[in-house]
Amino acid sequence: MDREEYNRLFHKHKLNLVAFKPLNDCDEEVLKLVNAAIEAEREACAKFIEHDYVRRFERPWRDDLSAAIRARGKK
């Protein structure tokens, strides 16, 4: 994740509203940002599989792999 992606997530999840709180008072907000970053990275990986990387494989296999990536962490 680069700085621009981080800034987008930071503002999307309104973490700028708690920017001046002590870090130990922001556990919920920090966890929200970390989970959003993980989800964004999973989605990027799934899109990479679908569109860029495995065009040489059969579509059902590709769809299964991208769905498995998106499903991680949703237990």
N, C-alpha and C. Protein backbone atom coordinates (compact mmCIF):
# COMPACT_ATOMS: atom_id res chain seq x y z
N MET A 1 0.85 -1.16 0.00
CA MET A 1 0.00 0.00 0.00
C MET A 1 0.90 1.24 0.00
N ASP A 2 0.64 2.13 -0.92
CA ASP A 2 1.45 3.34 -0.97
C ASP A 2 0.79 4.47 -0.16
N ARG A 3 1.46 5.60 -0.07
CA ARG A 3 1.00 6.72 0.76
C ARG A 3 -0.37 7.24 0.30
N GLU A 4 -0.58 7.30 -1.00
CA GLU A 4 -1.85 7.79 -1.53
C GLU A 4 -3.01 6.86 -1.14
N GLU A 5 -2.79 5.55 -1.26
CA GLU A 5 -3.82 4.59 -0.85
C GLU A 5 -4.11 4.70 0.65
N TYR A 6 -3.04 4.86 1.43
CA TYR A 6 -3.21 5.04 2.88
C TYR A 6 -4.05 6.28 3.17
N ASN A 7 -3.73 7.39 2.54
CA ASN A 7 -4.48 8.63 2.76
C ASN A 7 -5.95 8.48 2.38
N ARG A 8 -6.22 7.79 1.27
CA ARG A 8 -7.61 7.56 0.87
C ARG A 8 -8.36 6.77 1.92
N LEU A 9 -7.76 5.69 2.41
CA LEU A 9 -8.41 4.88 3.46
C LEU A 9 -8.58 5.68 4.75
N PHE A 10 -7.57 6.45 5.11
CA PHE A 10 -7.61 7.26 6.33
C PHE A 10 -8.83 8.18 6.32
N HIS A 11 -9.06 8.85 5.19
CA HIS A 11 -10.18 9.79 5.10
C HIS A 11 -11.51 9.06 4.84
N LYS A 12 -11.48 7.99 4.09
CA LYS A 12 -12.70 7.22 3.83
C LYS A 12 -13.32 6.72 5.13
N HIS A 13 -12.47 6.30 6.05
CA HIS A 13 -12.94 5.76 7.33
C HIS A 13 -12.97 6.82 8.43
N LYS A 14 -12.82 8.08 8.03
CA LYS A 14 -12.96 9.24 8.91
C LYS A 14 -12.02 9.21 10.12
N LEU A 15 -10.83 8.68 9.90
CA LEU A 15 -9.86 8.66 10.99
C LEU A 15 -9.29 10.05 11.24
N ASN A 16 -9.47 10.95 10.30
CA ASN A 16 -9.05 12.33 10.54
C ASN A 16 -9.82 12.96 11.70
N LEU A 17 -10.98 12.42 12.05
CA LEU A 17 -11.77 12.94 13.15
C LEU A 17 -11.17 12.60 14.52
N VAL A 18 -10.26 11.63 14.55
CA VAL A 18 -9.63 11.25 15.83
C VAL A 18 -8.13 11.50 15.80
N ALA A 19 -7.68 12.31 14.88
CA ALA A 19 -6.25 12.51 14.67
C ALA A 19 -5.51 13.05 15.88
N PHE A 20 -6.20 13.74 16.77
CA PHE A 20 -5.53 14.34 17.91
C PHE A 20 -5.79 13.62 19.22
N LYS A 21 -6.41 12.46 19.15
CA LYS A 21 -6.60 11.64 20.34
C LYS A 21 -5.33 10.84 20.59
N PRO A 22 -5.01 10.55 21.85
CA PRO A 22 -3.86 9.66 22.12
C PRO A 22 -4.09 8.30 21.46
N LEU A 23 -3.03 7.71 20.97
CA LEU A 23 -3.14 6.45 20.24
C LEU A 23 -3.84 5.37 21.05
N ASN A 24 -3.54 5.28 22.34
CA ASN A 24 -4.17 4.22 23.13
C ASN A 24 -5.67 4.45 23.33
N ASP A 25 -6.18 5.62 22.94
CA ASP A 25 -7.62 5.87 22.98
C ASP A 25 -8.27 5.65 21.61
N CYS A 26 -7.49 5.18 20.65
CA CYS A 26 -7.98 5.03 19.28
C CYS A 26 -7.94 3.58 18.80
N ASP A 27 -7.95 2.63 19.71
CA ASP A 27 -7.85 1.23 19.31
C ASP A 27 -8.86 0.85 18.24
N GLU A 28 -10.11 1.24 18.44
CA GLU A 28 -11.16 0.87 17.49
C GLU A 28 -10.89 1.48 16.11
N GLU A 29 -10.49 2.72 16.08
CA GLU A 29 -10.23 3.40 14.82
C GLU A 29 -9.01 2.83 14.10
N VAL A 30 -7.96 2.53 14.87
CA VAL A 30 -6.76 1.94 14.27
C VAL A 30 -7.07 0.56 13.71
N LEU A 31 -7.82 -0.23 14.45
CA LEU A 31 -8.21 -1.56 13.97
C LEU A 31 -9.04 -1.45 12.70
N LYS A 32 -9.91 -0.47 12.64
CA LYS A 32 -10.72 -0.24 11.45
C LYS A 32 -9.84 0.06 10.23
N LEU A 33 -8.83 0.89 10.42
CA LEU A 33 -7.92 1.22 9.32
C LEU A 33 -7.11 0.01 8.89
N VAL A 34 -6.60 -0.75 9.84
CA VAL A 34 -5.82 -1.95 9.51
C VAL A 34 -6.68 -2.94 8.73
N ASN A 35 -7.89 -3.19 9.18
CA ASN A 35 -8.78 -4.12 8.48
C ASN A 35 -9.16 -3.61 7.10
N ALA A 36 -9.35 -2.30 6.96
CA ALA A 36 -9.65 -1.73 5.64
C ALA A 36 -8.47 -1.91 4.70
N ALA A 37 -7.25 -1.74 5.21
CA ALA A 37 -6.05 -1.92 4.39
C ALA A 37 -5.92 -3.38 3.94
N ILE A 38 -6.19 -4.30 4.85
CA ILE A 38 -6.13 -5.73 4.51
C ILE A 38 -7.17 -6.05 3.45
N GLU A 39 -8.39 -5.56 3.62
CA GLU A 39 -9.45 -5.82 2.65
C GLU A 39 -9.11 -5.23 1.28
N ALA A 40 -8.55 -4.02 1.27
CA ALA A 40 -8.16 -3.39 0.01
C ALA A 40 -7.07 -4.21 -0.69
N GLU A 41 -6.13 -4.73 0.07
CA GLU A 41 -5.06 -5.54 -0.51
C GLU A 41 -5.60 -6.86 -1.07
N ARG A 42 -6.53 -7.48 -0.34
CA ARG A 42 -7.16 -8.71 -0.86
C ARG A 42 -7.88 -8.44 -2.17
N GLU A 43 -8.62 -7.34 -2.22
CA GLU A 43 -9.35 -7.01 -3.44
C GLU A 43 -8.38 -6.76 -4.59
N ALA A 44 -7.28 -6.08 -4.32
CA ALA A 44 -6.28 -5.84 -5.35
C ALA A 44 -5.69 -7.16 -5.85
N CYS A 45 -5.43 -8.09 -4.94
CA CYS A 45 -4.89 -9.41 -5.33
C CYS A 45 -5.91 -10.17 -6.17
N ALA A 46 -7.17 -10.14 -5.75
CA ALA A 46 -8.21 -10.85 -6.50
C ALA A 46 -8.35 -10.27 -7.90
N LYS A 47 -8.32 -8.95 -8.03
CA LYS A 47 -8.41 -8.33 -9.35
C LYS A 47 -7.21 -8.66 -10.20
N PHE A 48 -6.05 -8.73 -9.58
CA PHE A 48 -4.84 -9.11 -10.30
C PHE A 48 -5.00 -10.51 -10.88
N ILE A 49 -5.51 -11.43 -10.07
CA ILE A 49 -5.73 -12.80 -10.54
C ILE A 49 -6.72 -12.80 -11.69
N GLU A 50 -7.83 -12.08 -11.55
CA GLU A 50 -8.88 -12.08 -12.55
C GLU A 50 -8.46 -11.44 -13.87
N HIS A 51 -7.68 -10.39 -13.79
CA HIS A 51 -7.47 -9.59 -14.99
C HIS A 51 -6.06 -9.63 -15.58
N ASP A 52 -5.07 -9.83 -14.75
CA ASP A 52 -3.72 -9.66 -15.25
C ASP A 52 -2.87 -10.92 -15.28
N TYR A 53 -3.04 -11.76 -14.31
CA TYR A 53 -2.04 -12.79 -14.10
C TYR A 53 -2.35 -14.13 -14.77
N VAL A 54 -3.51 -14.65 -14.58
CA VAL A 54 -3.75 -16.04 -14.99
C VAL A 54 -4.71 -16.17 -16.16
N ARG A 55 -4.58 -15.33 -17.12
CA ARG A 55 -5.45 -15.43 -18.30
C ARG A 55 -5.28 -16.77 -19.02
N ARG A 56 -4.14 -17.39 -18.81
CA ARG A 56 -3.90 -18.66 -19.51
C ARG A 56 -4.65 -19.83 -18.88
N PHE A 57 -5.20 -19.64 -17.68
CA PHE A 57 -5.94 -20.72 -17.01
C PHE A 57 -7.42 -20.63 -17.34
N GLU A 58 -8.11 -21.72 -17.08
CA GLU A 58 -9.55 -21.75 -17.33
C GLU A 58 -10.27 -20.78 -16.40
N ARG A 59 -11.33 -20.20 -16.90
CA ARG A 59 -12.08 -19.20 -16.13
C ARG A 59 -12.62 -19.73 -14.80
N PRO A 60 -13.22 -20.92 -14.72
CA PRO A 60 -13.73 -21.38 -13.41
C PRO A 60 -12.63 -21.44 -12.35
N TRP A 61 -11.45 -21.88 -12.74
CA TRP A 61 -10.33 -21.94 -11.78
C TRP A 61 -9.96 -20.55 -11.32
N ARG A 62 -9.91 -19.62 -12.22
CA ARG A 62 -9.56 -18.23 -11.91
C ARG A 62 -10.61 -17.62 -10.98
N ASP A 63 -11.88 -17.86 -11.27
CA ASP A 63 -12.95 -17.32 -10.44
C ASP A 63 -12.91 -17.90 -9.03
N ASP A 64 -12.60 -19.21 -8.93
CA ASP A 64 -12.50 -19.84 -7.61
C ASP A 64 -11.36 -19.22 -6.80
N LEU A 65 -10.25 -18.98 -7.44
CA LEU A 65 -9.10 -18.42 -6.75
C LEU A 65 -9.37 -16.99 -6.28
N SER A 66 -9.94 -16.17 -7.14
CA SER A 66 -10.22 -14.78 -6.73
C SER A 66 -11.29 -14.75 -5.64
N ALA A 67 -12.27 -15.63 -5.69
CA ALA A 67 -13.29 -15.70 -4.63
C ALA A 67 -12.67 -16.14 -3.31
N ALA A 68 -11.73 -17.07 -3.37
CA ALA A 68 -11.06 -17.53 -2.15
C ALA A 68 -10.25 -16.41 -1.51
N ILE A 69 -9.61 -15.60 -2.32
CA ILE A 69 -8.84 -14.47 -1.80
C ILE A 69 -9.78 -13.47 -1.12
N ARG A 70 -10.90 -13.16 -1.75
CA ARG A 70 -11.85 -12.21 -1.17
C ARG A 70 -12.47 -12.75 0.11
N ALA A 71 -12.65 -14.06 0.20
CA ALA A 71 -13.32 -14.66 1.36
C ALA A 71 -12.42 -14.74 2.60
N ARG A 72 -11.11 -14.60 2.42
CA ARG A 72 -10.21 -14.67 3.59
C ARG A 72 -10.60 -13.62 4.62
N GLY A 73 -10.68 -14.03 5.85
CA GLY A 73 -10.99 -13.09 6.92
C GLY A 73 -12.47 -12.87 7.15
N LYS A 74 -13.32 -13.47 6.34
CA LYS A 74 -14.76 -13.29 6.52
C LYS A 74 -15.37 -14.54 7.14
N LYS A 75 -14.78 -14.98 8.23
CA LYS A 75 -15.24 -16.21 8.88
C LYS A 75 -16.17 -15.89 10.03
